[in-house]
Amino acid sequence: MRIDVLTIFPEMFDALNASIIARAKQANLVDIKVTDIRPFSASKHKNTDDYPFGGGAGMVMTAQPIADAIKAVTGSGFQGLRVFMSPRGVPLDQALVKKLSQEPRLMILCGHYEGVDERVLEHYIDLEISIGDYVLTGGELPAMVTIDSVVRLLEGVLGDDNSAQEESFSDDLLLEYPHYTRPREFEGLEVPEVLLNGNHAAIDTWRRQQRLLVTARRRPDLLKKAKLTPKDIAFLTQEGLL
């Protein structure tokens, strides 16, 4: 997969040169290109913002440098999705992340200031995405969140492709079960005995039940949409959670 990022703060994306994403890049599983919008500005001082028509606080990113940057990056016959990170976009959830990971290419535009000239969004953007109901200084951090969530779903990135299947918000919408490692006892707290006896069927049952309990207690809204088996329903009823 190739991901192109358009921003006026390219240095922020140095954070992608670490951890799993760095290894994915080194293994040629993903190609991430960051493009600075400023050099595309036709103005004398290479500015990328101006006062909004109609008045109001703040500045708005101008159309020309963004449009030219997009055209330079995508070229003709672009096959992929052009995304703008925006508080008014559709929520980024695991289902959307999965869809994005199946695209051959992504182009992500990062806005700043009060926003971007609407004409750019009308003509050059396919989808606006929000990472939550709050406002940040710019689209760079949301873009990095999106990239991280997408790249880790690409085949071969996590090493064990089963790793993503039992995580929170996976296909069955349940949250993840608790994890434990050495030592067996820490500050008087013991690892659950079921995880130590080698009975994999019992471990699988315990983990499923823990996912149900955590979801019911922390995100009951997800439980209403989760794929529950008759055993799941019986267990939750027994626990007084249904």
Protein backbone atom coordinates (compact mmCIF):
# COMPACT_ATOMS: atom_id res chain seq x y z
CA MET A 1 0.00 0.00 0.00
CA ARG A 2 1.07 3.58 -0.65
CA ILE A 3 -0.01 6.44 1.61
CA ASP A 4 0.59 10.07 0.64
CA VAL A 5 0.26 12.79 3.27
CA LEU A 6 -0.13 16.48 2.43
CA THR A 7 0.70 18.90 5.23
CA ILE A 8 2.35 22.22 6.05
CA PHE A 9 4.17 20.57 8.96
CA PRO A 10 5.96 17.55 7.43
CA GLU A 11 8.40 17.32 10.33
CA MET A 12 5.61 16.05 12.57
CA PHE A 13 5.55 12.79 10.64
CA ASP A 14 9.04 11.83 11.79
CA ALA A 15 7.09 9.96 14.48
CA LEU A 16 6.23 7.36 11.83
CA ASN A 17 9.88 6.33 11.63
CA ALA A 18 9.62 4.13 14.70
CA SER A 19 8.09 0.89 15.97
CA ILE A 20 5.81 -1.27 13.82
CA ILE A 21 5.30 1.32 11.09
CA ALA A 22 9.05 1.72 10.64
CA ARG A 23 9.44 -2.05 10.30
CA ALA A 24 6.56 -2.18 7.82
CA LYS A 25 8.26 0.50 5.72
CA GLN A 26 11.60 -1.33 5.84
CA ALA A 27 9.88 -4.53 4.72
CA ASN A 28 8.22 -2.68 1.82
CA LEU A 29 4.76 -3.51 3.14
CA VAL A 30 3.80 0.17 3.04
CA ASP A 31 5.22 3.23 1.30
CA ILE A 32 4.50 6.49 3.13
CA LYS A 33 5.32 9.76 1.38
CA VAL A 34 4.94 13.11 3.14
CA THR A 35 4.59 16.20 0.93
CA ASP A 36 4.97 19.79 2.11
CA ILE A 37 2.17 21.96 0.70
CA ARG A 38 4.04 25.26 1.10
CA PRO A 39 6.36 24.96 -1.93
CA PHE A 40 3.28 24.69 -4.16
CA SER A 41 2.05 28.15 -3.15
CA ALA A 42 2.07 30.65 -6.02
CA SER A 43 2.30 33.60 -3.64
CA LYS A 44 5.55 35.53 -3.23
CA HIS A 45 5.97 34.52 0.42
CA LYS A 46 4.71 30.96 -0.05
CA ASN A 47 1.86 31.50 2.38
CA THR A 48 -0.91 28.90 2.46
CA ASP A 49 -3.62 30.79 4.36
CA ASP A 50 -5.72 33.94 4.12
CA TYR A 51 -8.56 35.75 5.87
CA PRO A 52 -12.01 34.15 5.50
CA PHE A 53 -14.63 35.77 3.29
CA GLY A 54 -17.49 37.05 5.45
CA GLY A 55 -15.20 37.79 8.38
CA GLY A 56 -14.64 35.75 11.50
CA ALA A 57 -11.77 34.62 13.64
CA GLY A 58 -8.70 32.85 12.36
CA MET A 59 -7.35 32.05 8.92
CA VAL A 60 -8.37 29.60 6.21
CA MET A 61 -6.03 27.47 4.10
CA THR A 62 -6.14 28.64 0.50
CA ALA A 63 -7.23 26.44 -2.38
CA GLN A 64 -4.42 26.92 -4.92
CA PRO A 65 -1.42 25.37 -3.13
CA ILE A 66 -3.47 22.45 -1.82
CA ALA A 67 -5.03 21.72 -5.22
CA ASP A 68 -1.65 21.86 -6.95
CA ALA A 69 -0.08 19.62 -4.31
CA ILE A 70 -2.87 17.07 -4.67
CA LYS A 71 -2.57 17.05 -8.46
CA ALA A 72 1.21 16.63 -8.23
CA VAL A 73 0.92 13.71 -5.81
CA THR A 74 -2.02 11.83 -7.32
CA GLY A 75 -1.29 12.46 -11.00
CA SER A 76 -3.79 11.19 -13.57
CA GLY A 77 -5.80 8.02 -13.12
CA PHE A 78 -5.38 7.93 -9.34
CA GLN A 79 -6.62 4.62 -7.95
CA GLY A 80 -7.39 5.00 -4.27
CA LEU A 81 -9.13 7.24 -1.76
CA ARG A 82 -8.50 10.93 -1.10
CA VAL A 83 -9.12 11.71 2.56
CA PHE A 84 -9.38 14.93 4.58
CA MET A 85 -9.01 14.78 8.37
CA SER A 86 -11.84 16.89 9.79
CA PRO A 87 -13.93 17.15 13.01
CA ARG A 88 -17.03 17.09 10.80
CA GLY A 89 -16.04 13.85 9.06
CA VAL A 90 -17.41 10.35 9.52
CA PRO A 91 -16.13 8.68 12.69
CA LEU A 92 -13.02 6.54 12.36
CA ASP A 93 -13.92 3.11 13.71
CA GLN A 94 -12.46 -0.34 13.16
CA ALA A 95 -14.87 -1.12 10.32
CA LEU A 96 -13.73 1.98 8.43
CA VAL A 97 -10.08 1.23 9.22
CA LYS A 98 -10.52 -2.21 7.67
CA LYS A 99 -12.02 -0.67 4.51
CA LEU A 100 -9.17 1.84 4.26
CA SER A 101 -6.60 -0.94 4.62
CA GLN A 102 -8.05 -2.58 1.51
CA GLU A 103 -7.45 0.48 -0.68
CA PRO A 104 -4.42 0.33 -2.99
CA ARG A 105 -3.57 3.95 -2.17
CA LEU A 106 -4.57 6.60 0.32
CA MET A 107 -3.98 10.32 0.07
CA ILE A 108 -4.50 12.16 3.36
CA LEU A 109 -4.84 15.94 3.49
CA CYS A 110 -4.10 17.62 6.82
CA GLY A 111 -5.84 20.93 7.40
CA HIS A 112 -4.80 23.65 9.80
CA TYR A 113 -5.99 26.97 11.20
CA GLU A 114 -9.78 27.36 10.91
CA GLY A 115 -10.06 24.95 8.01
CA VAL A 116 -9.62 24.53 4.27
CA ASP A 117 -11.29 26.35 1.40
CA GLU A 118 -14.45 24.34 0.74
CA ARG A 119 -13.84 24.24 -3.00
CA VAL A 120 -10.82 22.01 -2.46
CA LEU A 121 -12.94 19.54 -0.53
CA GLU A 122 -15.66 19.58 -3.17
CA HIS A 123 -13.33 18.81 -6.07
CA TYR A 124 -10.39 16.87 -4.62
CA ILE A 125 -11.58 14.94 -1.57
CA ASP A 126 -13.56 11.68 -1.50
CA LEU A 127 -14.05 11.26 2.24
CA GLU A 128 -13.75 13.37 5.40
CA ILE A 129 -12.76 11.45 8.54
CA SER A 130 -12.91 12.43 12.22
CA ILE A 131 -11.09 10.62 15.02
CA GLY A 132 -13.43 11.98 17.70
CA ASP A 133 -15.84 14.65 18.82
CA TYR A 134 -13.21 17.24 19.70
CA VAL A 135 -11.08 19.78 17.85
CA LEU A 136 -7.30 19.68 17.45
CA THR A 137 -4.88 22.30 16.15
CA GLY A 138 -4.51 20.52 12.83
CA GLY A 139 -5.01 17.29 10.95
CA GLU A 140 -1.51 15.92 11.45
CA LEU A 141 -2.16 13.93 14.64
CA PRO A 142 -5.45 12.50 13.31
CA ALA A 143 -3.62 11.53 10.11
CA MET A 144 -0.99 9.65 12.13
CA VAL A 145 -3.72 7.89 14.13
CA THR A 146 -5.38 6.85 10.88
CA ILE A 147 -2.12 5.66 9.33
CA ASP A 148 -1.17 3.64 12.40
CA SER A 149 -4.57 1.94 12.59
CA VAL A 150 -4.53 1.11 8.87
CA VAL A 151 -0.93 -0.07 8.50
CA ARG A 152 -1.17 -2.59 11.34
CA LEU A 153 -3.96 -4.38 9.43
CA LEU A 154 -1.85 -4.88 6.30
CA GLU A 155 -0.83 -8.47 5.72
CA GLY A 156 2.52 -9.30 7.29
CA VAL A 157 2.83 -6.13 9.38
CA LEU A 158 2.05 -7.67 12.78
CA GLY A 159 3.98 -10.87 12.10
CA ASP A 160 1.07 -13.00 13.35
CA ASP A 161 -2.02 -12.05 11.32
CA ASN A 162 -4.22 -13.54 14.07
CA SER A 163 -3.10 -10.75 16.43
CA ALA A 164 -5.71 -8.34 15.08
CA GLN A 165 -8.60 -10.77 15.22
CA GLU A 166 -9.17 -10.76 18.99
CA GLU A 167 -8.41 -7.11 19.62
CA SER A 168 -10.94 -4.56 20.80
CA PHE A 169 -13.40 -3.52 18.07
CA SER A 170 -12.55 -6.56 15.91
CA ASP A 171 -15.25 -8.18 13.77
CA ASP A 172 -17.42 -9.25 16.74
CA LEU A 173 -17.20 -5.72 18.29
CA LEU A 174 -16.21 -7.00 21.75
CA LEU A 175 -13.41 -5.37 23.73
CA GLU A 176 -10.21 -7.30 24.37
CA TYR A 177 -9.71 -9.66 27.31
CA PRO A 178 -7.13 -8.92 30.09
CA HIS A 179 -3.50 -9.94 29.58
CA TYR A 180 -0.96 -11.23 32.11
CA THR A 181 2.75 -12.07 32.07
CA ARG A 182 5.49 -12.92 34.60
CA PRO A 183 5.68 -12.91 37.55
CA ARG A 184 2.73 -15.07 38.65
CA GLU A 185 2.29 -12.91 41.75
CA PHE A 186 2.68 -9.12 41.84
CA GLU A 187 1.98 -7.03 44.94
CA GLY A 188 -0.32 -9.73 46.26
CA LEU A 189 -2.23 -10.11 42.99
CA GLU A 190 -2.22 -13.53 41.32
CA VAL A 191 -2.56 -14.45 37.65
CA PRO A 192 -5.92 -16.24 37.11
CA GLU A 193 -5.36 -19.97 37.62
CA VAL A 194 -7.10 -20.88 34.36
CA LEU A 195 -4.25 -19.29 32.38
CA LEU A 196 -1.67 -21.52 34.06
CA ASN A 197 -3.14 -25.01 33.69
CA GLY A 198 -2.54 -25.54 29.97
CA ASN A 199 -6.20 -26.32 29.23
CA HIS A 200 -6.60 -24.35 26.01
CA ALA A 201 -10.35 -24.95 25.74
CA ALA A 202 -10.83 -23.54 29.24
CA ILE A 203 -8.54 -20.61 28.41
CA ASP A 204 -10.54 -19.84 25.26
CA THR A 205 -13.78 -19.92 27.28
CA TRP A 206 -12.33 -17.65 29.98
CA ARG A 207 -11.06 -15.15 27.43
CA ARG A 208 -14.41 -15.03 25.65
CA GLN A 209 -16.21 -14.48 28.95
CA GLN A 210 -13.77 -11.77 29.94
CA ARG A 211 -14.39 -9.98 26.63
CA LEU A 212 -18.11 -10.11 27.31
CA LEU A 213 -17.69 -8.79 30.86
CA VAL A 214 -15.36 -5.95 29.90
CA THR A 215 -17.62 -4.87 27.03
CA ALA A 216 -20.80 -5.06 29.12
CA ARG A 217 -19.29 -2.98 31.92
CA ARG A 218 -17.36 -0.41 29.89
CA ARG A 219 -19.11 -0.18 26.51
CA PRO A 220 -22.65 -1.54 26.77
CA ASP A 221 -23.43 0.31 23.54
CA LEU A 222 -21.08 -2.08 21.72
CA LEU A 223 -22.64 -5.12 23.34
CA LYS A 224 -25.99 -4.25 21.74
CA LYS A 225 -24.37 -4.53 18.30
CA ALA A 226 -22.03 -7.46 19.02
CA LYS A 227 -22.38 -10.92 17.51
CA LEU A 228 -23.44 -12.96 20.54
CA THR A 229 -23.82 -16.73 20.64
CA PRO A 230 -26.45 -18.51 22.78
CA LYS A 231 -23.62 -19.34 25.23
CA ASP A 232 -22.67 -15.65 25.39
CA ILE A 233 -26.25 -14.65 26.14
CA ALA A 234 -26.58 -17.34 28.82
CA PHE A 235 -23.34 -16.22 30.50
CA LEU A 236 -24.30 -12.53 30.50
CA THR A 237 -27.73 -13.36 31.85
CA GLN A 238 -26.16 -15.42 34.63
CA GLU A 239 -23.92 -12.44 35.49
CA GLY A 240 -26.92 -10.12 35.57
CA LEU A 241 -25.66 -8.09 32.62
CA LEU A 242 -28.52 -8.82 30.23
